[in-house]
C-alpha atoms as a PDB file:
ATOM      1  CA  UNK A   1      16.538  13.935   6.416  1.00  0.00           C
ATOM      2  CA  UNK A   2      17.441  12.977   9.984  1.00  0.00           C
ATOM      3  CA  UNK A   3      19.585  10.016  10.904  1.00  0.00           C
ATOM      4  CA  UNK A   4      16.484   8.355  12.407  1.00  0.00           C
ATOM      5  CA  UNK A   5      14.595   8.604   9.127  1.00  0.00           C
ATOM      6  CA  UNK A   6      13.832   5.692   6.850  1.00  0.00           C
ATOM      7  CA  UNK A   7      14.082   5.759   3.051  1.00  0.00           C
ATOM      8  CA  UNK A   8      12.044   3.171   1.168  1.00  0.00           C
ATOM      9  CA  UNK A   9      12.023   1.994  -2.448  1.00  0.00           C
ATOM     10  CA  UNK A  10       8.527   1.946  -3.828  1.00  0.00           C
ATOM     11  CA  UNK A  11       6.244  -0.684  -5.326  1.00  0.00           C
ATOM     12  CA  UNK A  12       3.128   0.352  -7.192  1.00  0.00           C
ATOM     13  CA  UNK A  13      -0.514  -0.671  -7.194  1.00  0.00           C
ATOM     14  CA  UNK A  14      -1.727   0.514  -3.761  1.00  0.00           C
ATOM     15  CA  UNK A  15      -4.716   2.708  -4.533  1.00  0.00           C
ATOM     16  CA  UNK A  16      -6.371   2.755  -1.094  1.00  0.00           C
ATOM     17  CA  UNK A  17      -6.109   5.920   0.988  1.00  0.00           C
ATOM     18  CA  UNK A  18      -3.338   6.248   3.561  1.00  0.00           C
ATOM     19  CA  UNK A  19      -5.998   6.565   6.252  1.00  0.00           C
ATOM     20  CA  UNK A  20      -6.568   2.798   5.927  1.00  0.00           C
ATOM     21  CA  UNK A  21      -3.101   2.161   7.427  1.00  0.00           C
ATOM     22  CA  UNK A  22      -3.642   4.139  10.644  1.00  0.00           C
ATOM     23  CA  UNK A  23      -2.462   2.057  13.602  1.00  0.00           C
ATOM     24  CA  UNK A  24      -3.783   4.223  16.445  1.00  0.00           C
ATOM     25  CA  UNK A  25      -4.981   7.739  17.208  1.00  0.00           C
ATOM     26  CA  UNK A  26      -2.941   8.364  20.346  1.00  0.00           C
ATOM     27  CA  UNK A  27      -1.770  11.943  20.704  1.00  0.00           C
ATOM     28  CA  UNK A  28      -0.426  14.324  23.325  1.00  0.00           C
ATOM     29  CA  UNK A  29      -1.352  17.930  23.949  1.00  0.00           C
ATOM     30  CA  UNK A  30       1.641  20.191  24.324  1.00  0.00           C
ATOM     31  CA  UNK A  31       0.219  21.735  27.521  1.00  0.00           C
ATOM     32  CA  UNK A  32      -0.209  18.420  29.389  1.00  0.00           C
ATOM     33  CA  UNK A  33       2.011  17.286  32.247  1.00  0.00           C
ATOM     34  CA  UNK A  34       4.155  14.214  31.713  1.00  0.00           C
ATOM     35  CA  UNK A  35       2.934  12.117  34.665  1.00  0.00           C
ATOM     36  CA  UNK A  36       0.264  10.170  32.769  1.00  0.00           C
ATOM     37  CA  UNK A  37       2.437   9.977  29.704  1.00  0.00           C
ATOM     38  CA  UNK A  38       5.271   8.420  31.695  1.00  0.00           C
ATOM     39  CA  UNK A  39       2.846   5.770  32.957  1.00  0.00           C
ATOM     40  CA  UNK A  40       1.663   5.098  29.411  1.00  0.00           C
ATOM     41  CA  UNK A  41       5.205   4.546  28.124  1.00  0.00           C
ATOM     42  CA  UNK A  42       5.960   2.247  31.073  1.00  0.00           C
ATOM     43  CA  UNK A  43       2.860   0.154  30.315  1.00  0.00           C
ATOM     44  CA  UNK A  44       3.412   0.063  26.557  1.00  0.00           C
ATOM     45  CA  UNK A  45       6.945  -1.016  25.781  1.00  0.00           C
ATOM     46  CA  UNK A  46       5.938  -1.157  22.099  1.00  0.00           C
ATOM     47  CA  UNK A  47       5.585   2.645  22.009  1.00  0.00           C
ATOM     48  CA  UNK A  48       8.767   4.336  20.844  1.00  0.00           C
ATOM     49  CA  UNK A  49       7.327   7.821  20.363  1.00  0.00           C
ATOM     50  CA  UNK A  50       4.039   9.694  20.230  1.00  0.00           C
ATOM     51  CA  UNK A  51       2.957  12.792  18.324  1.00  0.00           C
ATOM     52  CA  UNK A  52       2.287  16.092  20.074  1.00  0.00           C
ATOM     53  CA  UNK A  53      -0.516  18.357  18.909  1.00  0.00           C
ATOM     54  CA  UNK A  54      -1.484  21.933  19.598  1.00  0.00           C
ATOM     55  CA  UNK A  55      -5.133  22.760  18.885  1.00  0.00           C
ATOM     56  CA  UNK A  56      -5.357  19.445  17.067  1.00  0.00           C
ATOM     57  CA  UNK A  57      -2.449  20.177  14.707  1.00  0.00           C
ATOM     58  CA  UNK A  58       0.763  18.076  14.946  1.00  0.00           C
ATOM     59  CA  UNK A  59       3.736  20.159  16.125  1.00  0.00           C
ATOM     60  CA  UNK A  60       6.294  17.583  17.258  1.00  0.00           C
ATOM     61  CA  UNK A  61       6.891  14.276  19.005  1.00  0.00           C
ATOM     62  CA  UNK A  62       7.982  12.876  22.350  1.00  0.00           C
ATOM     63  CA  UNK A  63      10.403   9.941  22.429  1.00  0.00           C
ATOM     64  CA  UNK A  64      10.078   7.367  25.188  1.00  0.00           C
ATOM     65  CA  UNK A  65      13.806   7.442  25.891  1.00  0.00           C
ATOM     66  CA  UNK A  66      13.694  11.214  26.411  1.00  0.00           C
ATOM     67  CA  UNK A  67      10.732  11.040  28.746  1.00  0.00           C
ATOM     68  CA  UNK A  68      11.991   8.130  30.831  1.00  0.00           C
ATOM     69  CA  UNK A  69      15.339   9.823  31.387  1.00  0.00           C
ATOM     70  CA  UNK A  70      15.935  12.243  34.261  1.00  0.00           C
ATOM     71  CA  UNK A  71      12.858  14.369  33.608  1.00  0.00           C
ATOM     72  CA  UNK A  72      11.223  16.341  36.468  1.00  0.00           C
ATOM     73  CA  UNK A  73       7.716  15.104  37.300  1.00  0.00           C
ATOM     74  CA  UNK A  74       6.283  18.617  37.021  1.00  0.00           C
ATOM     75  CA  UNK A  75       7.709  19.160  33.536  1.00  0.00           C
ATOM     76  CA  UNK A  76       5.357  19.698  30.618  1.00  0.00           C
ATOM     77  CA  UNK A  77       5.263  17.741  27.413  1.00  0.00           C
ATOM     78  CA  UNK A  78       6.392  20.853  25.559  1.00  0.00           C
ATOM     79  CA  UNK A  79       9.653  20.816  27.526  1.00  0.00           C
ATOM     80  CA  UNK A  80      10.636  17.349  26.298  1.00  0.00           C
ATOM     81  CA  UNK A  81       9.084  17.581  22.849  1.00  0.00           C
ATOM     82  CA  UNK A  82      11.204  17.371  19.718  1.00  0.00           C
ATOM     83  CA  UNK A  83       9.845  19.834  17.184  1.00  0.00           C
ATOM     84  CA  UNK A  84       8.798  18.778  13.723  1.00  0.00           C
ATOM     85  CA  UNK A  85       7.028  15.666  12.433  1.00  0.00           C
ATOM     86  CA  UNK A  86       6.238  14.014   9.130  1.00  0.00           C
ATOM     87  CA  UNK A  87       2.630  14.384   7.975  1.00  0.00           C
ATOM     88  CA  UNK A  88       0.718  13.029   4.990  1.00  0.00           C
ATOM     89  CA  UNK A  89      -2.766  14.178   3.849  1.00  0.00           C
ATOM     90  CA  UNK A  90      -5.561  11.668   4.213  1.00  0.00           C
ATOM     91  CA  UNK A  91      -6.393  12.124   0.525  1.00  0.00           C
ATOM     92  CA  UNK A  92      -3.096  10.600  -0.591  1.00  0.00           C
ATOM     93  CA  UNK A  93      -3.094   6.984  -1.763  1.00  0.00           C
ATOM     94  CA  UNK A  94      -0.680   4.480  -0.287  1.00  0.00           C
ATOM     95  CA  UNK A  95       0.970   4.269  -3.702  1.00  0.00           C
ATOM     96  CA  UNK A  96       1.577   8.031  -3.749  1.00  0.00           C
ATOM     97  CA  UNK A  97       2.879   8.026  -0.190  1.00  0.00           C
ATOM     98  CA  UNK A  98       5.387   5.267  -0.947  1.00  0.00           C
ATOM     99  CA  UNK A  99       6.573   7.171  -4.018  1.00  0.00           C
ATOM    100  CA  UNK A 100       7.134  10.259  -1.882  1.00  0.00           C
ATOM    101  CA  UNK A 101       9.222   8.144   0.481  1.00  0.00           C
ATOM    102  CA  UNK A 102      11.213   6.709  -2.393  1.00  0.00           C
ATOM    103  CA  UNK A 103      11.860  10.187  -3.830  1.00  0.00           C
ATOM    104  CA  UNK A 104      12.935  11.594  -0.462  1.00  0.00           C
ATOM    105  CA  UNK A 105      10.017  14.046  -0.376  1.00  0.00           C
ATOM    106  CA  UNK A 106       8.821  12.268   2.750  1.00  0.00           C
ATOM    107  CA  UNK A 107      10.701  10.559   5.582  1.00  0.00           C
ATOM    108  CA  UNK A 108       9.683   8.221   8.382  1.00  0.00           C
ATOM    109  CA  UNK A 109      10.885   9.097  11.859  1.00  0.00           C
ATOM    110  CA  UNK A 110      10.396   7.232  15.142  1.00  0.00           C
ATOM    111  CA  UNK A 111       6.764   8.373  15.347  1.00  0.00           C
ATOM    112  CA  UNK A 112       5.956   6.968  11.913  1.00  0.00           C
ATOM    113  CA  UNK A 113       3.864   9.081   9.573  1.00  0.00           C
ATOM    114  CA  UNK A 114       1.042  11.262  10.847  1.00  0.00           C
ATOM    115  CA  UNK A 115      -2.143  11.381   8.779  1.00  0.00           C
ATOM    116  CA  UNK A 116      -3.881  14.770   8.738  1.00  0.00           C
ATOM    117  CA  UNK A 117      -7.143  16.080   7.328  1.00  0.00           C
ATOM    118  CA  UNK A 118      -7.670  18.920   4.871  1.00  0.00           C
ATOM    119  CA  UNK A 119      -7.140  21.495   7.666  1.00  0.00           C
ATOM    120  CA  UNK A 120      -3.951  19.844   8.900  1.00  0.00           C
ATOM    121  CA  UNK A 121      -5.610  18.340  11.973  1.00  0.00           C
ATOM    122  CA  UNK A 122      -4.270  15.051  13.309  1.00  0.00           C
ATOM    123  CA  UNK A 123      -6.221  11.867  12.444  1.00  0.00           C
ATOM    124  CA  UNK A 124      -3.831   9.075  13.442  1.00  0.00           C
ATOM    125  CA  UNK A 125      -0.397   7.638  12.822  1.00  0.00           C
ATOM    126  CA  UNK A 126       1.045   4.989  10.519  1.00  0.00           C
ATOM    127  CA  UNK A 127       3.826   2.982  12.141  1.00  0.00           C
ATOM    128  CA  UNK A 128       7.143   2.483  10.362  1.00  0.00           C
ATOM    129  CA  UNK A 129       6.706  -1.288  10.748  1.00  0.00           C
ATOM    130  CA  UNK A 130       3.442  -1.084   8.816  1.00  0.00           C
ATOM    131  CA  UNK A 131       5.152   0.735   5.959  1.00  0.00           C
ATOM    132  CA  UNK A 132       7.853  -1.925   5.813  1.00  0.00           C
ATOM    133  CA  UNK A 133       5.211  -4.684   5.658  1.00  0.00           C
ATOM    134  CA  UNK A 134       3.386  -2.868   2.855  1.00  0.00           C
ATOM    135  CA  UNK A 135       6.653  -2.497   0.988  1.00  0.00           C
ATOM    136  CA  UNK A 136       7.548  -6.174   1.402  1.00  0.00           C
ATOM    137  CA  UNK A 137       4.071  -7.250   0.292  1.00  0.00           C
ATOM    138  CA  UNK A 138       4.278  -4.985  -2.732  1.00  0.00           C
ATOM    139  CA  UNK A 139       7.668  -6.323  -3.794  1.00  0.00           C
ATOM    140  CA  UNK A 140       6.439  -9.913  -3.401  1.00  0.00           C
ATOM    141  CA  UNK A 141       3.327  -9.110  -5.435  1.00  0.00           C
ATOM    142  CA  UNK A 142       5.396  -7.430  -8.141  1.00  0.00           C
ATOM    143  CA  UNK A 143       7.716 -10.435  -8.303  1.00  0.00           C
ATOM    144  CA  UNK A 144       4.778 -12.814  -8.661  1.00  0.00           C
ATOM    145  CA  UNK A 145       3.212 -10.622 -11.351  1.00  0.00           C
ATOM    146  CA  UNK A 146       6.501 -10.596 -13.249  1.00  0.00           C
ATOM    147  CA  UNK A 147       6.680 -14.408 -13.188  1.00  0.00           C
ATOM    148  CA  UNK A 148       3.091 -14.769 -14.350  1.00  0.00           C
ATOM    149  CA  UNK A 149       3.593 -12.154 -17.055  1.00  0.00           C
ATOM    150  CA  UNK A 150       6.525 -14.182 -18.394  1.00  0.00           C
ATOM    151  CA  UNK A 151       4.478 -17.402 -18.358  1.00  0.00           C
ATOM    152  CA  UNK A 152       1.585 -15.852 -20.297  1.00  0.00           C
ATOM    153  CA  UNK A 153       3.674 -13.858 -22.729  1.00  0.00           C
ATOM    154  CA  UNK A 154       2.774 -10.502 -21.233  1.00  0.00           C
ATOM    155  CA  UNK A 155      -0.657 -10.660 -19.568  1.00  0.00           C
ATOM    156  CA  UNK A 156      -0.777  -8.548 -16.393  1.00  0.00           C
ATOM    157  CA  UNK A 157      -1.615 -10.056 -13.001  1.00  0.00           C
ATOM    158  CA  UNK A 158      -4.136  -9.438 -10.241  1.00  0.00           C
ATOM    159  CA  UNK A 159      -2.581  -6.232  -8.909  1.00  0.00           C
ATOM    160  CA  UNK A 160      -2.907  -4.450 -12.254  1.00  0.00           C
ATOM    161  CA  UNK A 161      -6.330  -6.007 -12.882  1.00  0.00           C
ATOM    162  CA  UNK A 162      -7.720  -4.623  -9.614  1.00  0.00           C
ATOM    163  CA  UNK A 163      -6.343  -1.195 -10.464  1.00  0.00           C
ATOM    164  CA  UNK A 164      -7.952  -1.256 -13.915  1.00  0.00           C
ATOM    165  CA  UNK A 165     -11.298  -2.498 -12.532  1.00  0.00           C
ATOM    166  CA  UNK A 166     -11.285   0.288  -9.986  1.00  0.00           C
ATOM    167  CA  UNK A 167     -10.633   2.876 -12.693  1.00  0.00           C
ATOM    168  CA  UNK A 168     -13.602   1.621 -14.724  1.00  0.00           C
ATOM    169  CA  UNK A 169     -15.863   1.619 -11.661  1.00  0.00           C
ATOM    170  CA  UNK A 170     -14.836   5.137 -10.695  1.00  0.00           C
ATOM    171  CA  UNK A 171     -15.473   6.292 -14.272  1.00  0.00           C
ATOM    172  CA  UNK A 172     -18.967   4.706 -14.020  1.00  0.00           C
ATOM    173  CA  UNK A 173     -18.262   2.817 -17.233  1.00  0.00           C
ATOM    174  CA  UNK A 174     -20.587   0.168 -18.625  1.00  0.00           C
ATOM    175  CA  UNK A 175     -18.683  -3.104 -19.115  1.00  0.00           C
ATOM    176  CA  UNK A 176     -18.775  -6.820 -18.409  1.00  0.00           C
ATOM    177  CA  UNK A 177     -16.354  -9.037 -16.524  1.00  0.00           C
ATOM    178  CA  UNK A 178     -15.583 -12.518 -17.831  1.00  0.00           C
ATOM    179  CA  UNK A 179     -13.926 -14.900 -15.376  1.00  0.00           C
ATOM    180  CA  UNK A 180     -12.434 -17.985 -17.037  1.00  0.00           C
ATOM    181  CA  UNK A 181     -10.874 -21.224 -15.941  1.00  0.00           C
ATOM    182  CA  UNK A 182      -9.642 -24.316 -17.765  1.00  0.00           C
ATOM    183  CA  UNK A 183     -11.875 -27.264 -16.936  1.00  0.00           C
ATOM    184  CA  UNK A 184      -9.776 -30.465 -16.856  1.00  0.00           C
ATOM    185  CA  UNK A 185      -6.494 -28.605 -16.323  1.00  0.00           C
ATOM    186  CA  UNK A 186      -5.560 -30.341 -13.058  1.00  0.00           C
ATOM    187  CA  UNK A 187      -5.908 -33.769 -14.618  1.00  0.00           C
ATOM    188  CA  UNK A 188      -3.786 -32.584 -17.558  1.00  0.00           C
ATOM    189  CA  UNK A 189      -1.053 -31.408 -15.190  1.00  0.00           C
ATOM    190  CA  UNK A 190      -1.133 -34.679 -13.269  1.00  0.00           C
ATOM    191  CA  UNK A 191      -0.825 -36.661 -16.465  1.00  0.00           C
ATOM    192  CA  UNK A 192       1.729 -34.652 -18.418  1.00  0.00           C
ATOM    193  CA  UNK A 193       3.566 -32.518 -15.864  1.00  0.00           C
ATOM    194  CA  UNK A 194       3.831 -28.814 -15.211  1.00  0.00           C
ATOM    195  CA  UNK A 195       5.983 -27.997 -18.216  1.00  0.00           C
ATOM    196  CA  UNK A 196       3.258 -29.109 -20.630  1.00  0.00           C
ATOM    197  CA  UNK A 197       0.705 -27.501 -18.322  1.00  0.00           C
ATOM    198  CA  UNK A 198       2.524 -24.197 -18.738  1.00  0.00           C
ATOM    199  CA  UNK A 199       2.117 -24.671 -22.486  1.00  0.00           C
ATOM    200  CA  UNK A 200      -1.666 -24.809 -22.000  1.00  0.00           C
ATOM    201  CA  UNK A 201      -1.585 -21.581 -19.982  1.00  0.00           C
ATOM    202  CA  UNK A 202       0.389 -19.886 -22.757  1.00  0.00           C
ATOM    203  CA  UNK A 203      -2.067 -21.273 -25.341  1.00  0.00           C
ATOM    204  CA  UNK A 204      -5.099 -19.802 -23.536  1.00  0.00           C
ATOM    205  CA  UNK A 205      -3.242 -16.505 -23.066  1.00  0.00           C
ATOM    206  CA  UNK A 206      -2.632 -16.353 -26.814  1.00  0.00           C
ATOM    207  CA  UNK A 207      -6.308 -17.104 -27.483  1.00  0.00           C
ATOM    208  CA  UNK A 208      -7.325 -14.173 -25.290  1.00  0.00           C
ATOM    209  CA  UNK A 209      -5.046 -11.844 -27.219  1.00  0.00           C
ATOM    210  CA  UNK A 210      -6.439 -13.129 -30.521  1.00  0.00           C
ATOM    211  CA  UNK A 211     -10.137 -12.861 -29.643  1.00  0.00           C
ATOM    212  CA  UNK A 212     -10.393  -9.630 -27.669  1.00  0.00           C
ATOM    213  CA  UNK A 213      -9.753  -6.025 -28.679  1.00  0.00           C
ATOM    214  CA  UNK A 214      -6.750  -4.585 -26.769  1.00  0.00           C
ATOM    215  CA  UNK A 215      -8.091  -1.062 -27.330  1.00  0.00           C
ATOM    216  CA  UNK A 216     -11.289  -1.867 -25.414  1.00  0.00           C
ATOM    217  CA  UNK A 217     -10.770  -5.089 -23.474  1.00  0.00           C
ATOM    218  CA  UNK A 218      -8.333  -5.933 -20.684  1.00  0.00           C
ATOM    219  CA  UNK A 219      -7.186  -9.531 -20.048  1.00  0.00           C
ATOM    220  CA  UNK A 220      -5.265 -10.671 -16.963  1.00  0.00           C
ATOM    221  CA  UNK A 221      -3.916 -13.944 -15.554  1.00  0.00           C
ATOM    222  CA  UNK A 222      -4.446 -14.642 -11.839  1.00  0.00           C
ATOM    223  CA  UNK A 223      -2.415 -17.823 -11.504  1.00  0.00           C
ATOM    224  CA  UNK A 224      -3.371 -21.479 -11.662  1.00  0.00           C
ATOM    225  CA  UNK A 225      -5.891 -21.825 -14.496  1.00  0.00           C
ATOM    226  CA  UNK A 226      -7.700 -18.560 -13.772  1.00  0.00           C
ATOM    227  CA  UNK A 227      -8.075 -15.644 -16.177  1.00  0.00           C
ATOM    228  CA  UNK A 228     -10.230 -12.502 -16.089  1.00  0.00           C
ATOM    229  CA  UNK A 229     -11.181 -10.187 -18.953  1.00  0.00           C
ATOM    230  CA  UNK A 230     -12.760  -6.733 -18.546  1.00  0.00           C
ATOM    231  CA  UNK A 231     -14.825  -6.318 -21.713  1.00  0.00           C
ATOM    232  CA  UNK A 232     -16.086  -3.118 -23.306  1.00  0.00           C
ATOM    233  CA  UNK A 233     -16.445  -4.490 -26.837  1.00  0.00           C
ATOM    234  CA  UNK A 234     -20.077  -4.354 -27.990  1.00  0.00           C
ATOM    235  CA  UNK A 235     -19.768  -7.870 -29.479  1.00  0.00           C
ATOM    236  CA  UNK A 236     -18.289  -9.330 -26.297  1.00  0.00           C
ATOM    237  CA  UNK A 237     -20.589 -12.381 -26.312  1.00  0.00           C
ATOM    238  CA  UNK A 238     -19.666 -13.356 -29.861  1.00  0.00           C
ATOM    239  CA  UNK A 239     -15.994 -12.988 -28.902  1.00  0.00           C
ATOM    240  CA  UNK A 240     -16.477 -15.322 -25.926  1.00  0.00           C
ATOM    241  CA  UNK A 241     -18.238 -17.874 -28.158  1.00  0.00           C
ATOM    242  CA  UNK A 242     -15.406 -17.742 -30.688  1.00  0.00           C
ATOM    243  CA  UNK A 243     -12.892 -18.179 -27.857  1.00  0.00           C
ATOM    244  CA  UNK A 244     -14.619 -21.366 -26.647  1.00  0.00           C
ATOM    245  CA  UNK A 245     -14.816 -22.760 -30.163  1.00  0.00           C
ATOM    246  CA  UNK A 246     -11.123 -22.084 -30.845  1.00  0.00           C
ATOM    247  CA  UNK A 247     -10.134 -23.758 -27.580  1.00  0.00           C
ATOM    248  CA  UNK A 248     -12.331 -26.784 -28.307  1.00  0.00           C
ATOM    249  CA  UNK A 249     -10.827 -27.161 -31.791  1.00  0.00           C
ATOM    250  CA  UNK A 250      -7.183 -26.913 -30.740  1.00  0.00           C
ATOM    251  CA  UNK A 251      -7.102 -28.495 -27.258  1.00  0.00           C
ATOM    252  CA  UNK A 252      -6.825 -32.118 -28.468  1.00  0.00           C
ATOM    253  CA  UNK A 253      -3.439 -31.296 -29.983  1.00  0.00           C
ATOM    254  CA  UNK A 254      -1.960 -31.005 -26.477  1.00  0.00           C
ATOM    255  CA  UNK A 255      -2.718 -34.662 -25.700  1.00  0.00           C
ATOM    256  CA  UNK A 256      -0.923 -37.854 -26.649  1.00  0.00           C
ATOM    257  CA  UNK A 257      -2.498 -39.966 -29.379  1.00  0.00           C
ATOM    258  CA  UNK A 258      -4.083 -42.495 -27.011  1.00  0.00           C
ATOM    259  CA  UNK A 259      -5.747 -39.794 -24.899  1.00  0.00           C
ATOM    260  CA  UNK A 260      -6.948 -37.997 -28.034  1.00  0.00           C
ATOM    261  CA  UNK A 261      -8.495 -41.216 -29.263  1.00  0.00           C
ATOM    262  CA  UNK A 262     -10.460 -41.780 -26.052  1.00  0.00           C
ATOM    263  CA  UNK A 263     -11.316 -38.075 -25.767  1.00  0.00           C
ATOM    264  CA  UNK A 264      -9.630 -37.467 -22.423  1.00  0.00           C
ATOM    265  CA  UNK A 265      -7.549 -38.871 -19.577  1.00  0.00           C
ATOM    266  CA  UNK A 266      -8.187 -41.982 -17.495  1.00  0.00           C
ATOM    267  CA  UNK A 267      -6.528 -41.866 -14.078  1.00  0.00           C
ATOM    268  CA  UNK A 268      -6.852 -43.298 -10.596  1.00  0.00           C
ATOM    269  CA  UNK A 269      -7.760 -40.748  -7.957  1.00  0.00           C
ATOM    270  CA  UNK A 270      -6.472 -40.624  -4.369  1.00  0.00           C
ATOM    271  CA  UNK A 271      -9.106 -43.189  -3.339  1.00  0.00           C
ATOM    272  CA  UNK A 272      -7.911 -45.641  -5.951  1.00  0.00           C
ATOM    273  CA  UNK A 273     -10.968 -45.189  -8.154  1.00  0.00           C
ATOM    274  CA  UNK A 274     -10.719 -44.839 -11.911  1.00  0.00           C
ATOM    275  CA  UNK A 275     -11.709 -41.383 -13.147  1.00  0.00           C
ATOM    276  CA  UNK A 276     -12.174 -40.062 -16.672  1.00  0.00           C
ATOM    277  CA  UNK A 277     -11.535 -36.373 -17.415  1.00  0.00           C
ATOM    278  CA  UNK A 278     -12.487 -35.102 -20.880  1.00  0.00           C
ATOM    279  CA  UNK A 279     -10.126 -32.974 -22.958  1.00  0.00           C
ATOM    280  CA  UNK A 280      -9.835 -29.552 -21.361  1.00  0.00           C
ATOM    281  CA  UNK A 281     -12.285 -26.793 -22.194  1.00  0.00           C
ATOM    282  CA  UNK A 282     -12.941 -23.261 -20.967  1.00  0.00           C
ATOM    283  CA  UNK A 283     -15.700 -22.269 -18.547  1.00  0.00           C
ATOM    284  CA  UNK A 284     -16.710 -18.601 -18.479  1.00  0.00           C
ATOM    285  CA  UNK A 285     -18.774 -16.713 -15.923  1.00  0.00           C
ATOM    286  CA  UNK A 286     -19.897 -13.258 -17.076  1.00  0.00           C
ATOM    287  CA  UNK A 287     -21.316 -10.465 -14.968  1.00  0.00           C
ATOM    288  CA  UNK A 288     -22.729  -7.163 -16.190  1.00  0.00           C
ATOM    289  CA  UNK A 289     -21.389  -4.013 -14.546  1.00  0.00           C
ATOM    290  CA  UNK A 290     -23.585  -0.939 -14.374  1.00  0.00           C
ATOM    291  CA  UNK A 291     -22.897   2.183 -12.277  1.00  0.00           C
ATOM    292  CA  UNK A 292     -23.607   1.606  -8.595  1.00  0.00           C
ATOM    293  CA  UNK A 293     -24.132  -2.145  -8.821  1.00  0.00           C
ATOM    294  CA  UNK A 294     -20.880  -3.114  -7.089  1.00  0.00           C
ATOM    295  CA  UNK A 295     -19.336  -1.609  -3.972  1.00  0.00           C
ATOM    296  CA  UNK A 296     -15.756  -1.964  -5.218  1.00  0.00           C
ATOM    297  CA  UNK A 297     -13.506  -3.954  -7.520  1.00  0.00           C
ATOM    298  CA  UNK A 298     -13.152  -6.792  -5.005  1.00  0.00           C
ATOM    299  CA  UNK A 299     -16.892  -7.480  -4.796  1.00  0.00           C
ATOM    300  CA  UNK A 300     -17.072  -7.239  -8.587  1.00  0.00           C
ATOM    301  CA  UNK A 301     -14.413  -9.902  -9.165  1.00  0.00           C
ATOM    302  CA  UNK A 302     -15.922 -12.143  -6.491  1.00  0.00           C
ATOM    303  CA  UNK A 303     -19.237 -12.081  -8.345  1.00  0.00           C
ATOM    304  CA  UNK A 304     -17.488 -13.052 -11.573  1.00  0.00           C
ATOM    305  CA  UNK A 305     -15.654 -15.916  -9.824  1.00  0.00           C
ATOM    306  CA  UNK A 306     -18.936 -17.242  -8.402  1.00  0.00           C
ATOM    307  CA  UNK A 307     -20.478 -17.269 -11.866  1.00  0.00           C
ATOM    308  CA  UNK A 308     -17.436 -19.068 -13.263  1.00  0.00           C
ATOM    309  CA  UNK A 309     -17.968 -21.848 -10.688  1.00  0.00           C
ATOM    310  CA  UNK A 310     -21.596 -22.150 -11.788  1.00  0.00           C
ATOM    311  CA  UNK A 311     -20.495 -22.375 -15.412  1.00  0.00           C
ATOM    312  CA  UNK A 312     -17.922 -25.066 -14.538  1.00  0.00           C
ATOM    313  CA  UNK A 313     -20.516 -27.053 -12.589  1.00  0.00           C
ATOM    314  CA  UNK A 314     -22.672 -27.080 -15.701  1.00  0.00           C
ATOM    315  CA  UNK A 315     -19.891 -28.749 -17.678  1.00  0.00           C
ATOM    316  CA  UNK A 316     -17.013 -27.525 -19.791  1.00  0.00           C
ATOM    317  CA  UNK A 317     -17.353 -25.230 -22.765  1.00  0.00           C
ATOM    318  CA  UNK A 318     -20.013 -23.116 -21.065  1.00  0.00           C
ATOM    319  CA  UNK A 319     -20.791 -19.424 -20.696  1.00  0.00           C
ATOM    320  CA  UNK A 320     -22.921 -18.420 -17.720  1.00  0.00           C
ATOM    321  CA  UNK A 321     -24.241 -14.871 -18.022  1.00  0.00           C
ATOM    322  CA  UNK A 322     -25.948 -13.000 -15.215  1.00  0.00           C
ATOM    323  CA  UNK A 323     -26.840  -9.436 -14.329  1.00  0.00           C
ATOM    324  CA  UNK A 324     -27.849  -8.155 -17.741  1.00  0.00           C
ATOM    325  CA  UNK A 325     -30.564  -5.492 -17.889  1.00  0.00           C
ATOM    326  CA  UNK A 326     -32.471  -3.785 -20.669  1.00  0.00           C
ATOM    327  CA  UNK A 327     -29.661  -1.232 -20.904  1.00  0.00           C
ATOM    328  CA  UNK A 328     -26.950  -3.877 -21.258  1.00  0.00           C
ATOM    329  CA  UNK A 329     -24.658  -4.127 -24.230  1.00  0.00           C
ATOM    330  CA  UNK A 330     -26.176  -7.376 -25.407  1.00  0.00           C
ATOM    331  CA  UNK A 331     -29.421  -9.156 -24.623  1.00  0.00           C
ATOM    332  CA  UNK A 332     -28.071 -12.523 -23.552  1.00  0.00           C
ATOM    333  CA  UNK A 333     -29.357 -14.438 -20.517  1.00  0.00           C
ATOM    334  CA  UNK A 334     -28.808 -17.765 -18.820  1.00  0.00           C
ATOM    335  CA  UNK A 335     -26.604 -20.674 -19.794  1.00  0.00           C
ATOM    336  CA  UNK A 336     -25.234 -21.145 -23.283  1.00  0.00           C
ATOM    337  CA  UNK A 337     -23.763 -24.581 -23.976  1.00  0.00           C
ATOM    338  CA  UNK A 338     -21.543 -25.704 -26.846  1.00  0.00           C
END
């Protein structure tokens, strides 16, 4: 590894292709003169180096400091080129690329990383600054996931959830997504404080573990009062019903005696008006997933979130189910209230 190379530790969870990180597609042909290139480097002080290709295949790089030194105007790019460059196939995921960097199998030089196709032809470059931002984002995400996992007693966070949803979509599996939130949770936090609020989050997390099959179903916590479960159990609807009933039966125990007696919390809002919030309940939005229905895991989870909002708007303790067809795992439609 050269002294200009960069070694990076590696987060996980980046499943998109490296091609998505391409910053630009600038390249130089080894047979070109340096006149236009010199002008380009003078105009773009952000350019440190550019890749050189021969017949479309990367063969080296030209550094701005080399070119702007005492170089004859009639010189060719080949005469100032430094041979060798770091390439990565377009088929690699960002996760795999970062692991290669961490293991020393790949290094980042002043040109960044060059993305190539299956024939080794140049597609574009990934800047070193981009890799550092991805790394920093990944470490922040991992740290947040670790904190949330501790709060919930082990439930994974959004990063792992998206990865699992993508795997199920790619496998063309038939499953449902249940998006849950705790209706009345904000009022509970305002009344009793975040420490007791954390106890409610842990309580719901425990309910998810009790009511869903870990061999088939996958529960995750997204922060706030938001949970998502990927369900492959055939009796998923009955499990959701039992979850709501268990929450309804045990939730009053989190309140002080006076609030239990009145069935909720009376507070003044920011406008000075008295508001009553019933004892917290769960709202669940469920969407059916069949092969080809969703473009990716992000659109899938957005659909589930939208349904959760509709369930919450209908009142607490509700399941709103949409997207079921004749081939679905259960024939349940519309709003079910408890």
